[in-house]
Amino acid sequence: MATSVLQTVLLVVALSLCVSSAEYSTVDSFIEHSQSYDGGLCANLVEPCGYTCSEHTIQTKDGFLLGLQRVSSSIVNLALQRAPPVLLLHGLFMGGDAWFMDSAKQSLGFILADHGFDVWVGNVRGTKWSHGHVSLSEGDKDFWDWSWQELALYDLATMLSYIKSKTSSKVFVVGHSQGTIMSLAAFTQPDIANLVEAAALLSPISYLDHITSKFVLNLVHMHLDEALGLLGIHQLNLKSDILTNIIDLACDGHLDCSDMLASITGENCCFNSSRVDFYLEYEPHPSSLKNLKHLFQMIRKGTFARYDYGSLKNVLQYGQTKPPSFDLSQIPESLPIWMAHGGNDALGDVL
């Protein structure tokens, strides 16, 4: 059953990628919304398009309150057996809204729902659709003391466990970019891998020392992560004045950043630029400086490992001077994983 359902998931994912590459010229293709975080993702982006959506709040083992949405389509006959649950995992500086930003025929979240899948939408800690922490506020330094390591081992693990408890079924995972690094790290842990039926990873990343994005490499060479730490910054909000100025500095005299997205990710053949203003109403979402530091560590060292605190703190944290690696050979051979990457992707390029 897993193989046939995975084939259906992959077909739907591939279909959505092909359809989303087309530029729609008619305004009737989209339902416009005014940006607001009141009422949650369901009320803002899903329900206005005629889909059933429920909001769920789940708590991680370290106290973060994550927003999780469950989406279904009104055109599907619910009397028939519903397809298995699919969890959508967004990328860096993104949230669950990323799966619903275009028309119903272009957005993977809607497309999967229309094909009868039980769609669950993940939002990691710190994003606008999650709900903070049981004791910490966003102004606390400790609120931002995490990287993709915690997103994999705590956030993803909690999402999968909750969905399994609600559906009594293993979960199909679809991840994009940061969602793929979370997945690959998590799948090396047997207790998490046992909750997953199969995975489809879009723009997958793990080892990052071979990326070709000149913009990102420039930030790494500038030691942006260390400079921001010295400034006492813990939350990365790309809409803040200080980070906007730093991005301008990284571009000035070094790179042509007239197309910022292409400067970061590489040339985009099929990006619908007419939708940029709408995308920017909801994105980018915040992340943590520690998350950026962890990614920059991987670029500098060529490792796929836990966060490096330095030799002394590593001993206290891990019992050894170097952070333990995530051993990809520990991912079960029985777990089907499909990966897709863009030929010009400067962040998720092939070795």
C-alpha atoms as a PDB file:
ATOM      1  CA  MET A   1       0.000   0.000   0.000  1.00  0.00           C
ATOM      2  CA  ALA A   2       2.813   2.430   0.883  1.00  0.00           C
ATOM      3  CA  THR A   3       4.352   2.163  -2.570  1.00  0.00           C
ATOM      4  CA  SER A   4       1.131   2.866  -4.455  1.00  0.00           C
ATOM      5  CA  VAL A   5       0.185   5.766  -2.187  1.00  0.00           C
ATOM      6  CA  LEU A   6       3.699   7.193  -2.452  1.00  0.00           C
ATOM      7  CA  GLN A   7       3.405   7.052  -6.232  1.00  0.00           C
ATOM      8  CA  THR A   8       0.164   9.015  -5.983  1.00  0.00           C
ATOM      9  CA  VAL A   9       1.776  11.595  -3.674  1.00  0.00           C
ATOM     10  CA  LEU A  10       4.704  11.956  -6.073  1.00  0.00           C
ATOM     11  CA  LEU A  11       2.394  12.321  -9.042  1.00  0.00           C
ATOM     12  CA  VAL A  12       0.470  15.061  -7.261  1.00  0.00           C
ATOM     13  CA  VAL A  13       3.685  16.822  -6.182  1.00  0.00           C
ATOM     14  CA  ALA A  14       5.072  16.660  -9.720  1.00  0.00           C
ATOM     15  CA  LEU A  15       1.772  17.934 -11.100  1.00  0.00           C
ATOM     16  CA  SER A  16       1.791  20.890  -8.727  1.00  0.00           C
ATOM     17  CA  LEU A  17       5.374  21.758  -9.693  1.00  0.00           C
ATOM     18  CA  CYS A  18       4.458  21.748 -13.381  1.00  0.00           C
ATOM     19  CA  VAL A  19       1.268  23.749 -12.922  1.00  0.00           C
ATOM     20  CA  SER A  20       2.869  26.304 -10.608  1.00  0.00           C
ATOM     21  CA  SER A  21       5.474  27.092 -13.251  1.00  0.00           C
ATOM     22  CA  ALA A  22       2.783  28.647 -15.437  1.00  0.00           C
ATOM     23  CA  GLU A  23       2.128  32.373 -15.147  1.00  0.00           C
ATOM     24  CA  TYR A  24      -1.590  32.999 -14.713  1.00  0.00           C
ATOM     25  CA  SER A  25      -2.677  36.263 -16.280  1.00  0.00           C
ATOM     26  CA  THR A  26      -6.241  36.416 -15.012  1.00  0.00           C
ATOM     27  CA  VAL A  27      -6.945  37.782 -11.566  1.00  0.00           C
ATOM     28  CA  ASP A  28      -9.769  35.232 -11.290  1.00  0.00           C
ATOM     29  CA  SER A  29      -7.136  32.549 -10.656  1.00  0.00           C
ATOM     30  CA  PHE A  30      -6.517  33.889  -7.167  1.00  0.00           C
ATOM     31  CA  ILE A  31      -8.443  34.908  -4.099  1.00  0.00           C
ATOM     32  CA  GLU A  32      -6.751  37.923  -2.565  1.00  0.00           C
ATOM     33  CA  HIS A  33      -6.538  38.313   1.201  1.00  0.00           C
ATOM     34  CA  SER A  34      -5.530  41.140   3.476  1.00  0.00           C
ATOM     35  CA  GLN A  35      -2.593  40.069   5.612  1.00  0.00           C
ATOM     36  CA  SER A  36      -3.471  39.293   9.216  1.00  0.00           C
ATOM     37  CA  TYR A  37      -2.316  36.715  11.735  1.00  0.00           C
ATOM     38  CA  ASP A  38      -5.518  36.955  13.779  1.00  0.00           C
ATOM     39  CA  GLY A  39      -7.579  33.808  13.489  1.00  0.00           C
ATOM     40  CA  GLY A  40      -4.689  31.687  12.300  1.00  0.00           C
ATOM     41  CA  LEU A  41      -3.618  30.238   8.974  1.00  0.00           C
ATOM     42  CA  CYS A  42      -6.966  28.533   8.398  1.00  0.00           C
ATOM     43  CA  ALA A  43      -8.986  31.731   8.578  1.00  0.00           C
ATOM     44  CA  ASN A  44      -6.518  33.753   6.522  1.00  0.00           C
ATOM     45  CA  LEU A  45      -5.544  31.544   3.608  1.00  0.00           C
ATOM     46  CA  VAL A  46      -7.385  28.219   3.552  1.00  0.00           C
ATOM     47  CA  GLU A  47     -11.046  28.733   4.455  1.00  0.00           C
ATOM     48  CA  PRO A  48     -11.512  31.742   2.113  1.00  0.00           C
ATOM     49  CA  CYS A  49     -10.734  29.345  -0.759  1.00  0.00           C
ATOM     50  CA  GLY A  50     -13.582  27.020   0.261  1.00  0.00           C
ATOM     51  CA  TYR A  51     -11.573  24.337   2.084  1.00  0.00           C
ATOM     52  CA  THR A  52     -12.262  22.872   5.511  1.00  0.00           C
ATOM     53  CA  CYS A  53      -9.457  23.673   7.938  1.00  0.00           C
ATOM     54  CA  SER A  54      -8.948  23.146  11.667  1.00  0.00           C
ATOM     55  CA  GLU A  55      -6.301  24.661  13.929  1.00  0.00           C
ATOM     56  CA  HIS A  56      -4.310  22.485  16.343  1.00  0.00           C
ATOM     57  CA  THR A  57      -1.757  23.480  18.978  1.00  0.00           C
ATOM     58  CA  ILE A  58       0.858  20.949  20.058  1.00  0.00           C
ATOM     59  CA  GLN A  59       3.589  21.210  22.687  1.00  0.00           C
ATOM     60  CA  THR A  60       7.169  20.040  22.167  1.00  0.00           C
ATOM     61  CA  LYS A  61       9.193  18.382  24.915  1.00  0.00           C
ATOM     62  CA  ASP A  62      11.064  21.665  25.463  1.00  0.00           C
ATOM     63  CA  GLY A  63       7.874  23.717  25.819  1.00  0.00           C
ATOM     64  CA  PHE A  64       7.278  25.320  22.415  1.00  0.00           C
ATOM     65  CA  LEU A  65       3.676  25.598  21.218  1.00  0.00           C
ATOM     66  CA  LEU A  66       3.458  24.809  17.524  1.00  0.00           C
ATOM     67  CA  GLY A  67       0.615  25.602  15.154  1.00  0.00           C
ATOM     68  CA  LEU A  68      -0.581  22.665  13.071  1.00  0.00           C
ATOM     69  CA  GLN A  69      -3.429  22.837  10.563  1.00  0.00           C
ATOM     70  CA  ARG A  70      -5.536  20.031   9.104  1.00  0.00           C
ATOM     71  CA  VAL A  71      -6.997  20.683   5.656  1.00  0.00           C
ATOM     72  CA  SER A  72      -9.572  18.827   3.589  1.00  0.00           C
ATOM     73  CA  SER A  73     -11.414  19.570   0.363  1.00  0.00           C
ATOM     74  CA  SER A  74     -15.129  20.103  -0.071  1.00  0.00           C
ATOM     75  CA  ILE A  75     -15.041  18.390  -3.476  1.00  0.00           C
ATOM     76  CA  VAL A  76     -13.867  15.062  -2.048  1.00  0.00           C
ATOM     77  CA  ASN A  77     -16.492  12.489  -1.083  1.00  0.00           C
ATOM     78  CA  LEU A  78     -15.649  11.955   2.580  1.00  0.00           C
ATOM     79  CA  ALA A  79     -17.867   8.861   2.578  1.00  0.00           C
ATOM     80  CA  LEU A  80     -15.065   7.210   0.663  1.00  0.00           C
ATOM     81  CA  GLN A  81     -11.947   6.134   2.529  1.00  0.00           C
ATOM     82  CA  ARG A  82      -9.676   9.130   3.021  1.00  0.00           C
ATOM     83  CA  ALA A  83      -6.116   8.805   1.740  1.00  0.00           C
ATOM     84  CA  PRO A  84      -3.344   8.664   4.359  1.00  0.00           C
ATOM     85  CA  PRO A  85      -2.102  11.750   6.222  1.00  0.00           C
ATOM     86  CA  VAL A  86       0.509  13.956   4.548  1.00  0.00           C
ATOM     87  CA  LEU A  87       2.583  16.423   6.578  1.00  0.00           C
ATOM     88  CA  LEU A  88       3.896  19.505   4.735  1.00  0.00           C
ATOM     89  CA  LEU A  89       7.134  20.996   6.123  1.00  0.00           C
ATOM     90  CA  HIS A  90       8.110  24.498   5.015  1.00  0.00           C
ATOM     91  CA  GLY A  91      11.540  25.973   4.337  1.00  0.00           C
ATOM     92  CA  LEU A  92      13.765  28.506   6.123  1.00  0.00           C
ATOM     93  CA  PHE A  93      12.158  31.918   6.773  1.00  0.00           C
ATOM     94  CA  MET A  94       8.850  30.422   5.673  1.00  0.00           C
ATOM     95  CA  GLY A  95       5.720  29.105   7.362  1.00  0.00           C
ATOM     96  CA  GLY A  96       2.835  26.827   6.566  1.00  0.00           C
ATOM     97  CA  ASP A  97       1.330  29.579   4.404  1.00  0.00           C
ATOM     98  CA  ALA A  98       3.906  28.688   1.718  1.00  0.00           C
ATOM     99  CA  TRP A  99       1.732  25.770   0.617  1.00  0.00           C
ATOM    100  CA  PHE A 100      -1.348  27.982   0.001  1.00  0.00           C
ATOM    101  CA  MET A 101      -0.017  31.221  -1.516  1.00  0.00           C
ATOM    102  CA  ASP A 102      -1.291  30.697  -5.051  1.00  0.00           C
ATOM    103  CA  SER A 103      -4.502  29.456  -6.624  1.00  0.00           C
ATOM    104  CA  ALA A 104      -6.033  26.105  -5.675  1.00  0.00           C
ATOM    105  CA  LYS A 105      -4.651  24.640  -8.901  1.00  0.00           C
ATOM    106  CA  GLN A 106      -1.128  25.871  -8.141  1.00  0.00           C
ATOM    107  CA  SER A 107      -0.767  25.323  -4.384  1.00  0.00           C
ATOM    108  CA  LEU A 108       0.349  21.887  -3.232  1.00  0.00           C
ATOM    109  CA  GLY A 109      -1.680  22.022  -0.018  1.00  0.00           C
ATOM    110  CA  PHE A 110      -4.905  22.500  -1.964  1.00  0.00           C
ATOM    111  CA  ILE A 111      -3.939  20.008  -4.678  1.00  0.00           C
ATOM    112  CA  LEU A 112      -3.268  17.224  -2.175  1.00  0.00           C
ATOM    113  CA  ALA A 113      -6.555  17.954  -0.394  1.00  0.00           C
ATOM    114  CA  ASP A 114      -8.433  17.807  -3.699  1.00  0.00           C
ATOM    115  CA  HIS A 115      -6.913  14.379  -4.293  1.00  0.00           C
ATOM    116  CA  GLY A 116      -8.368  13.181  -1.006  1.00  0.00           C
ATOM    117  CA  PHE A 117      -5.269  13.310   1.171  1.00  0.00           C
ATOM    118  CA  ASP A 118      -5.529  14.144   4.855  1.00  0.00           C
ATOM    119  CA  VAL A 119      -3.338  17.260   4.720  1.00  0.00           C
ATOM    120  CA  TRP A 120      -1.497  18.447   7.813  1.00  0.00           C
ATOM    121  CA  VAL A 121       0.513  21.677   7.729  1.00  0.00           C
ATOM    122  CA  GLY A 122       3.515  22.093  10.010  1.00  0.00           C
ATOM    123  CA  ASN A 123       4.785  25.392  11.427  1.00  0.00           C
ATOM    124  CA  VAL A 124       8.056  25.254  13.342  1.00  0.00           C
ATOM    125  CA  ARG A 125       8.858  27.260  16.455  1.00  0.00           C
ATOM    126  CA  GLY A 126       9.330  31.003  16.003  1.00  0.00           C
ATOM    127  CA  THR A 127       7.075  31.274  12.943  1.00  0.00           C
ATOM    128  CA  LYS A 128       4.037  33.514  12.952  1.00  0.00           C
ATOM    129  CA  TRP A 129       1.522  30.653  12.872  1.00  0.00           C
ATOM    130  CA  SER A 130       2.961  28.996  15.986  1.00  0.00           C
ATOM    131  CA  HIS A 131       2.052  30.113  19.460  1.00  0.00           C
ATOM    132  CA  GLY A 132       5.152  30.823  21.493  1.00  0.00           C
ATOM    133  CA  HIS A 133       6.309  28.907  24.553  1.00  0.00           C
ATOM    134  CA  VAL A 134       4.812  27.765  27.830  1.00  0.00           C
ATOM    135  CA  SER A 135       7.080  30.048  29.879  1.00  0.00           C
ATOM    136  CA  LEU A 136       9.318  32.105  27.562  1.00  0.00           C
ATOM    137  CA  SER A 137       8.391  35.209  25.579  1.00  0.00           C
ATOM    138  CA  GLU A 138       9.768  36.142  22.173  1.00  0.00           C
ATOM    139  CA  GLY A 139      11.818  38.859  23.863  1.00  0.00           C
ATOM    140  CA  ASP A 140      13.766  36.288  25.889  1.00  0.00           C
ATOM    141  CA  LYS A 141      17.176  35.180  24.618  1.00  0.00           C
ATOM    142  CA  ASP A 142      16.383  31.574  25.498  1.00  0.00           C
ATOM    143  CA  PHE A 143      13.295  31.622  23.271  1.00  0.00           C
ATOM    144  CA  TRP A 144      15.644  31.722  20.257  1.00  0.00           C
ATOM    145  CA  ASP A 145      18.181  29.183  21.578  1.00  0.00           C
ATOM    146  CA  TRP A 146      17.602  26.541  18.906  1.00  0.00           C
ATOM    147  CA  SER A 147      18.620  25.468  15.413  1.00  0.00           C
ATOM    148  CA  TRP A 148      17.312  23.003  12.823  1.00  0.00           C
ATOM    149  CA  GLN A 149      18.587  20.294  15.192  1.00  0.00           C
ATOM    150  CA  GLU A 150      15.721  21.030  17.602  1.00  0.00           C
ATOM    151  CA  LEU A 151      13.322  21.461  14.690  1.00  0.00           C
ATOM    152  CA  ALA A 152      14.161  17.905  13.608  1.00  0.00           C
ATOM    153  CA  LEU A 153      14.347  16.143  16.963  1.00  0.00           C
ATOM    154  CA  TYR A 154      11.600  18.036  18.813  1.00  0.00           C
ATOM    155  CA  ASP A 155       9.264  19.882  16.423  1.00  0.00           C
ATOM    156  CA  LEU A 156       9.026  17.245  13.690  1.00  0.00           C
ATOM    157  CA  ALA A 157       8.910  14.408  16.205  1.00  0.00           C
ATOM    158  CA  THR A 158       6.018  16.104  18.024  1.00  0.00           C
ATOM    159  CA  MET A 159       4.111  16.776  14.794  1.00  0.00           C
ATOM    160  CA  LEU A 160       4.416  13.170  13.640  1.00  0.00           C
ATOM    161  CA  SER A 161       3.422  11.755  17.025  1.00  0.00           C
ATOM    162  CA  TYR A 162       0.356  13.995  17.184  1.00  0.00           C
ATOM    163  CA  ILE A 163      -0.789  13.145  13.653  1.00  0.00           C
ATOM    164  CA  LYS A 164      -0.302   9.439  14.344  1.00  0.00           C
ATOM    165  CA  SER A 165      -2.410   9.773  17.496  1.00  0.00           C
ATOM    166  CA  LYS A 166      -5.222  11.441  15.536  1.00  0.00           C
ATOM    167  CA  THR A 167      -5.196   9.228  12.449  1.00  0.00           C
ATOM    168  CA  SER A 168      -3.828   5.871  13.696  1.00  0.00           C
ATOM    169  CA  SER A 169      -1.695   5.908  10.577  1.00  0.00           C
ATOM    170  CA  LYS A 170       1.915   6.435   9.631  1.00  0.00           C
ATOM    171  CA  VAL A 171       2.555   9.778   7.955  1.00  0.00           C
ATOM    172  CA  PHE A 172       3.741  10.717   4.485  1.00  0.00           C
ATOM    173  CA  VAL A 173       6.156  13.669   4.735  1.00  0.00           C
ATOM    174  CA  VAL A 174       6.667  16.345   2.076  1.00  0.00           C
ATOM    175  CA  GLY A 175       9.474  18.733   2.949  1.00  0.00           C
ATOM    176  CA  HIS A 176      11.012  21.751   1.241  1.00  0.00           C
ATOM    177  CA  SER A 177      14.571  22.987   1.869  1.00  0.00           C
ATOM    178  CA  GLN A 178      14.824  23.380   5.692  1.00  0.00           C
ATOM    179  CA  GLY A 179      11.987  20.861   5.882  1.00  0.00           C
ATOM    180  CA  THR A 180      14.270  18.344   4.157  1.00  0.00           C
ATOM    181  CA  ILE A 181      17.244  18.808   6.462  1.00  0.00           C
ATOM    182  CA  MET A 182      14.858  18.376   9.385  1.00  0.00           C
ATOM    183  CA  SER A 183      13.499  15.198   7.802  1.00  0.00           C
ATOM    184  CA  LEU A 184      16.844  13.623   6.965  1.00  0.00           C
ATOM    185  CA  ALA A 185      18.210  14.267  10.458  1.00  0.00           C
ATOM    186  CA  ALA A 186      15.011  13.028  12.103  1.00  0.00           C
ATOM    187  CA  PHE A 187      14.859   9.875   9.985  1.00  0.00           C
ATOM    188  CA  THR A 188      18.218   8.760  11.440  1.00  0.00           C
ATOM    189  CA  GLN A 189      16.386   8.339  14.767  1.00  0.00           C
ATOM    190  CA  PRO A 190      14.499   4.992  14.840  1.00  0.00           C
ATOM    191  CA  ASP A 191      11.664   6.257  17.048  1.00  0.00           C
ATOM    192  CA  ILE A 192      10.904   9.070  14.583  1.00  0.00           C
ATOM    193  CA  ALA A 193      11.464   7.047  11.403  1.00  0.00           C
ATOM    194  CA  ASN A 194       8.939   4.486  12.645  1.00  0.00           C
ATOM    195  CA  LEU A 195       6.210   7.145  12.409  1.00  0.00           C
ATOM    196  CA  VAL A 196       6.861   7.804   8.704  1.00  0.00           C
ATOM    197  CA  GLU A 197       5.450   5.844   5.761  1.00  0.00           C
ATOM    198  CA  ALA A 198       7.478   7.609   3.047  1.00  0.00           C
ATOM    199  CA  ALA A 199       8.886  11.035   2.180  1.00  0.00           C
ATOM    200  CA  ALA A 200       9.125  13.386  -0.787  1.00  0.00           C
ATOM    201  CA  LEU A 201      11.891  15.971  -0.385  1.00  0.00           C
ATOM    202  CA  LEU A 202      11.941  19.120  -2.538  1.00  0.00           C
ATOM    203  CA  SER A 203      15.267  21.001  -2.860  1.00  0.00           C
ATOM    204  CA  PRO A 204      16.885  18.586  -0.371  1.00  0.00           C
ATOM    205  CA  ILE A 205      19.892  19.706   1.656  1.00  0.00           C
ATOM    206  CA  SER A 206      22.262  17.999   4.080  1.00  0.00           C
ATOM    207  CA  TYR A 207      25.954  18.643   3.332  1.00  0.00           C
ATOM    208  CA  LEU A 208      26.347  22.311   2.399  1.00  0.00           C
ATOM    209  CA  ASP A 209      30.065  22.894   1.770  1.00  0.00           C
ATOM    210  CA  HIS A 210      29.543  22.726  -2.012  1.00  0.00           C
ATOM    211  CA  ILE A 211      26.799  25.363  -2.395  1.00  0.00           C
ATOM    212  CA  THR A 212      27.382  27.874  -5.180  1.00  0.00           C
ATOM    213  CA  SER A 213      25.204  30.806  -4.054  1.00  0.00           C
ATOM    214  CA  LYS A 214      27.568  33.798  -4.182  1.00  0.00           C
ATOM    215  CA  PHE A 215      25.258  35.833  -1.965  1.00  0.00           C
ATOM    216  CA  VAL A 216      25.202  33.221   0.814  1.00  0.00           C
ATOM    217  CA  LEU A 217      28.934  32.527   0.510  1.00  0.00           C
ATOM    218  CA  ASN A 218      29.531  36.266   0.809  1.00  0.00           C
ATOM    219  CA  LEU A 219      27.574  36.334   4.080  1.00  0.00           C
ATOM    220  CA  VAL A 220      29.553  33.341   5.354  1.00  0.00           C
ATOM    221  CA  HIS A 221      32.869  35.017   4.499  1.00  0.00           C
ATOM    222  CA  MET A 222      31.663  38.233   6.164  1.00  0.00           C
ATOM    223  CA  HIS A 223      31.077  36.143   9.330  1.00  0.00           C
ATOM    224  CA  LEU A 224      27.597  37.624   9.478  1.00  0.00           C
ATOM    225  CA  ASP A 225      26.525  35.099  12.104  1.00  0.00           C
ATOM    226  CA  GLU A 226      29.313  36.124  14.479  1.00  0.00           C
ATOM    227  CA  ALA A 227      28.740  39.847  13.874  1.00  0.00           C
ATOM    228  CA  LEU A 228      25.037  39.563  14.654  1.00  0.00           C
ATOM    229  CA  GLY A 229      25.847  37.649  17.833  1.00  0.00           C
ATOM    230  CA  LEU A 230      28.160  40.454  18.963  1.00  0.00           C
ATOM    231  CA  LEU A 231      25.293  42.879  18.414  1.00  0.00           C
ATOM    232  CA  GLY A 232      23.157  40.866  20.816  1.00  0.00           C
ATOM    233  CA  ILE A 233      20.743  39.696  18.125  1.00  0.00           C
ATOM    234  CA  HIS A 234      19.046  36.347  18.686  1.00  0.00           C
ATOM    235  CA  GLN A 235      15.953  36.582  16.476  1.00  0.00           C
ATOM    236  CA  LEU A 236      16.432  36.878  12.722  1.00  0.00           C
ATOM    237  CA  ASN A 237      13.662  39.034  11.329  1.00  0.00           C
ATOM    238  CA  LEU A 238      14.502  39.851   7.721  1.00  0.00           C
ATOM    239  CA  LYS A 239      12.018  42.722   7.770  1.00  0.00           C
ATOM    240  CA  SER A 240      13.917  44.521  10.545  1.00  0.00           C
ATOM    241  CA  ASP A 241      15.898  47.658   9.675  1.00  0.00           C
ATOM    242  CA  ILE A 242      19.248  46.257  10.803  1.00  0.00           C
ATOM    243  CA  LEU A 243      19.041  43.088   8.710  1.00  0.00           C
ATOM    244  CA  THR A 244      17.748  45.010   5.702  1.00  0.00           C
ATOM    245  CA  ASN A 245      20.818  47.271   5.937  1.00  0.00           C
ATOM    246  CA  ILE A 246      23.153  44.281   6.279  1.00  0.00           C
ATOM    247  CA  ILE A 247      21.680  42.660   3.171  1.00  0.00           C
ATOM    248  CA  ASP A 248      22.220  45.927   1.295  1.00  0.00           C
ATOM    249  CA  LEU A 249      25.835  45.912   2.484  1.00  0.00           C
ATOM    250  CA  ALA A 250      26.343  42.349   1.260  1.00  0.00           C
ATOM    251  CA  CYS A 251      25.086  43.345  -2.179  1.00  0.00           C
ATOM    252  CA  ASP A 252      26.814  46.706  -2.541  1.00  0.00           C
ATOM    253  CA  GLY A 253      29.746  46.488  -4.917  1.00  0.00           C
ATOM    254  CA  HIS A 254      29.817  42.694  -4.789  1.00  0.00           C
ATOM    255  CA  LEU A 255      26.644  41.273  -6.302  1.00  0.00           C
ATOM    256  CA  ASP A 256      23.749  42.217  -8.504  1.00  0.00           C
ATOM    257  CA  CYS A 257      20.856  41.867  -6.092  1.00  0.00           C
ATOM    258  CA  SER A 258      18.220  43.439  -8.321  1.00  0.00           C
ATOM    259  CA  ASP A 259      16.550  40.029  -8.225  1.00  0.00           C
ATOM    260  CA  MET A 260      17.077  39.115  -4.573  1.00  0.00           C
ATOM    261  CA  LEU A 261      15.604  35.629  -4.818  1.00  0.00           C
ATOM    262  CA  ALA A 262      17.836  34.716  -7.765  1.00  0.00           C
ATOM    263  CA  SER A 263      20.838  36.168  -5.916  1.00  0.00           C
ATOM    264  CA  ILE A 264      20.231  33.717  -3.068  1.00  0.00           C
ATOM    265  CA  THR A 265      18.910  30.586  -4.773  1.00  0.00           C
ATOM    266  CA  GLY A 266      20.141  30.848  -8.368  1.00  0.00           C
ATOM    267  CA  GLU A 267      18.234  31.654 -11.531  1.00  0.00           C
ATOM    268  CA  ASN A 268      14.526  30.811 -11.434  1.00  0.00           C
ATOM    269  CA  CYS A 269      12.957  29.747 -14.712  1.00  0.00           C
ATOM    270  CA  CYS A 270       9.350  29.747 -13.590  1.00  0.00           C
ATOM    271  CA  PHE A 271       8.865  32.128 -10.691  1.00  0.00           C
ATOM    272  CA  ASN A 272       5.603  34.090 -10.841  1.00  0.00           C
ATOM    273  CA  SER A 273       6.943  37.572 -10.117  1.00  0.00           C
ATOM    274  CA  SER A 274       3.457  39.066 -10.327  1.00  0.00           C
ATOM    275  CA  ARG A 275       2.738  37.495  -6.920  1.00  0.00           C
ATOM    276  CA  VAL A 276       5.723  38.941  -5.021  1.00  0.00           C
ATOM    277  CA  ASP A 277       3.806  41.706  -3.234  1.00  0.00           C
ATOM    278  CA  PHE A 278       1.275  39.172  -1.966  1.00  0.00           C
ATOM    279  CA  TYR A 279       3.987  36.719  -0.861  1.00  0.00           C
ATOM    280  CA  LEU A 280       5.680  39.494   1.114  1.00  0.00           C
ATOM    281  CA  GLU A 281       2.492  40.173   3.042  1.00  0.00           C
ATOM    282  CA  TYR A 282       3.048  36.866   4.844  1.00  0.00           C
ATOM    283  CA  GLU A 283       6.723  36.069   4.406  1.00  0.00           C
ATOM    284  CA  PRO A 284       9.504  35.982   5.404  1.00  0.00           C
ATOM    285  CA  HIS A 285       8.909  34.477   8.833  1.00  0.00           C
ATOM    286  CA  PRO A 286      11.430  34.888  11.667  1.00  0.00           C
ATOM    287  CA  SER A 287      14.073  32.312  12.521  1.00  0.00           C
ATOM    288  CA  SER A 288      16.873  32.194  15.078  1.00  0.00           C
ATOM    289  CA  LEU A 289      20.456  33.374  14.753  1.00  0.00           C
ATOM    290  CA  LYS A 290      21.528  30.000  16.133  1.00  0.00           C
ATOM    291  CA  ASN A 291      19.804  28.321  13.197  1.00  0.00           C
ATOM    292  CA  LEU A 292      21.800  30.482  10.775  1.00  0.00           C
ATOM    293  CA  LYS A 293      25.005  29.778  12.722  1.00  0.00           C
ATOM    294  CA  HIS A 294      24.375  26.045  12.464  1.00  0.00           C
ATOM    295  CA  LEU A 295      23.877  26.257   8.696  1.00  0.00           C
ATOM    296  CA  PHE A 296      27.005  28.403   8.319  1.00  0.00           C
ATOM    297  CA  GLN A 297      28.969  25.842  10.388  1.00  0.00           C
ATOM    298  CA  MET A 298      27.957  23.198   7.885  1.00  0.00           C
ATOM    299  CA  ILE A 299      29.074  25.347   4.948  1.00  0.00           C
ATOM    300  CA  ARG A 300      32.455  26.028   6.565  1.00  0.00           C
ATOM    301  CA  LYS A 301      33.143  22.507   7.845  1.00  0.00           C
ATOM    302  CA  GLY A 302      31.387  20.249   5.349  1.00  0.00           C
ATOM    303  CA  THR A 303      29.618  18.323   8.100  1.00  0.00           C
ATOM    304  CA  PHE A 304      26.077  17.097   8.701  1.00  0.00           C
ATOM    305  CA  ALA A 305      26.205  17.171  12.469  1.00  0.00           C
ATOM    306  CA  ARG A 306      24.651  18.610  15.585  1.00  0.00           C
ATOM    307  CA  TYR A 307      25.370  22.203  16.597  1.00  0.00           C
ATOM    308  CA  ASP A 308      29.033  22.886  17.392  1.00  0.00           C
ATOM    309  CA  TYR A 309      29.372  24.754  20.713  1.00  0.00           C
ATOM    310  CA  GLY A 310      33.172  24.543  20.804  1.00  0.00           C
ATOM    311  CA  SER A 311      35.271  21.778  22.344  1.00  0.00           C
ATOM    312  CA  LEU A 312      34.603  22.477  26.035  1.00  0.00           C
ATOM    313  CA  LYS A 313      30.853  22.987  25.768  1.00  0.00           C
ATOM    314  CA  ASN A 314      30.600  20.075  23.333  1.00  0.00           C
ATOM    315  CA  VAL A 315      31.993  17.827  26.081  1.00  0.00           C
ATOM    316  CA  LEU A 316      29.367  19.144  28.492  1.00  0.00           C
ATOM    317  CA  GLN A 317      26.587  18.863  25.908  1.00  0.00           C
ATOM    318  CA  TYR A 318      27.527  15.689  24.023  1.00  0.00           C
ATOM    319  CA  GLY A 319      30.253  13.998  26.077  1.00  0.00           C
ATOM    320  CA  GLN A 320      32.822  14.511  23.297  1.00  0.00           C
ATOM    321  CA  THR A 321      34.838  17.372  21.831  1.00  0.00           C
ATOM    322  CA  LYS A 322      33.144  17.320  18.426  1.00  0.00           C
ATOM    323  CA  PRO A 323      29.399  17.360  17.799  1.00  0.00           C
ATOM    324  CA  PRO A 324      27.963  13.970  16.818  1.00  0.00           C
ATOM    325  CA  SER A 325      27.157  13.521  13.140  1.00  0.00           C
ATOM    326  CA  PHE A 326      23.743  12.607  11.798  1.00  0.00           C
ATOM    327  CA  ASP A 327      24.557   9.290  10.152  1.00  0.00           C
ATOM    328  CA  LEU A 328      22.439   9.048   7.013  1.00  0.00           C
ATOM    329  CA  SER A 329      23.204   5.331   6.780  1.00  0.00           C
ATOM    330  CA  GLN A 330      20.953   4.917   9.821  1.00  0.00           C
ATOM    331  CA  ILE A 331      17.867   5.901   7.809  1.00  0.00           C
ATOM    332  CA  PRO A 332      15.968   2.616   7.348  1.00  0.00           C
ATOM    333  CA  GLU A 333      16.397   1.095   3.904  1.00  0.00           C
ATOM    334  CA  SER A 334      12.702   0.219   4.054  1.00  0.00           C
ATOM    335  CA  LEU A 335      11.727   3.925   4.198  1.00  0.00           C
ATOM    336  CA  PRO A 336      10.965   5.169   0.649  1.00  0.00           C
ATOM    337  CA  ILE A 337      12.426   8.635  -0.001  1.00  0.00           C
ATOM    338  CA  TRP A 338      11.982  10.579  -3.250  1.00  0.00           C
ATOM    339  CA  MET A 339      14.029  13.728  -3.908  1.00  0.00           C
ATOM    340  CA  ALA A 340      13.687  16.486  -6.487  1.00  0.00           C
ATOM    341  CA  HIS A 341      16.018  19.406  -7.110  1.00  0.00           C
ATOM    342  CA  GLY A 342      16.238  22.276  -9.564  1.00  0.00           C
ATOM    343  CA  GLY A 343      19.081  22.172 -12.050  1.00  0.00           C
ATOM    344  CA  ASN A 344      20.106  25.753 -11.202  1.00  0.00           C
ATOM    345  CA  ASP A 345      19.563  25.539  -7.447  1.00  0.00           C
ATOM    346  CA  ALA A 346      22.529  27.302  -5.853  1.00  0.00           C
ATOM    347  CA  LEU A 347      21.595  26.138  -2.339  1.00  0.00           C
ATOM    348  CA  GLY A 348      20.512  22.546  -2.978  1.00  0.00           C
ATOM    349  CA  ASP A 349      22.906  21.687  -5.788  1.00  0.00           C
ATOM    350  CA  VAL A 350      24.257  18.206  -6.419  1.00  0.00           C
ATOM    351  CA  LEU A 351      27.868  17.358  -5.530  1.00  0.00           C
END
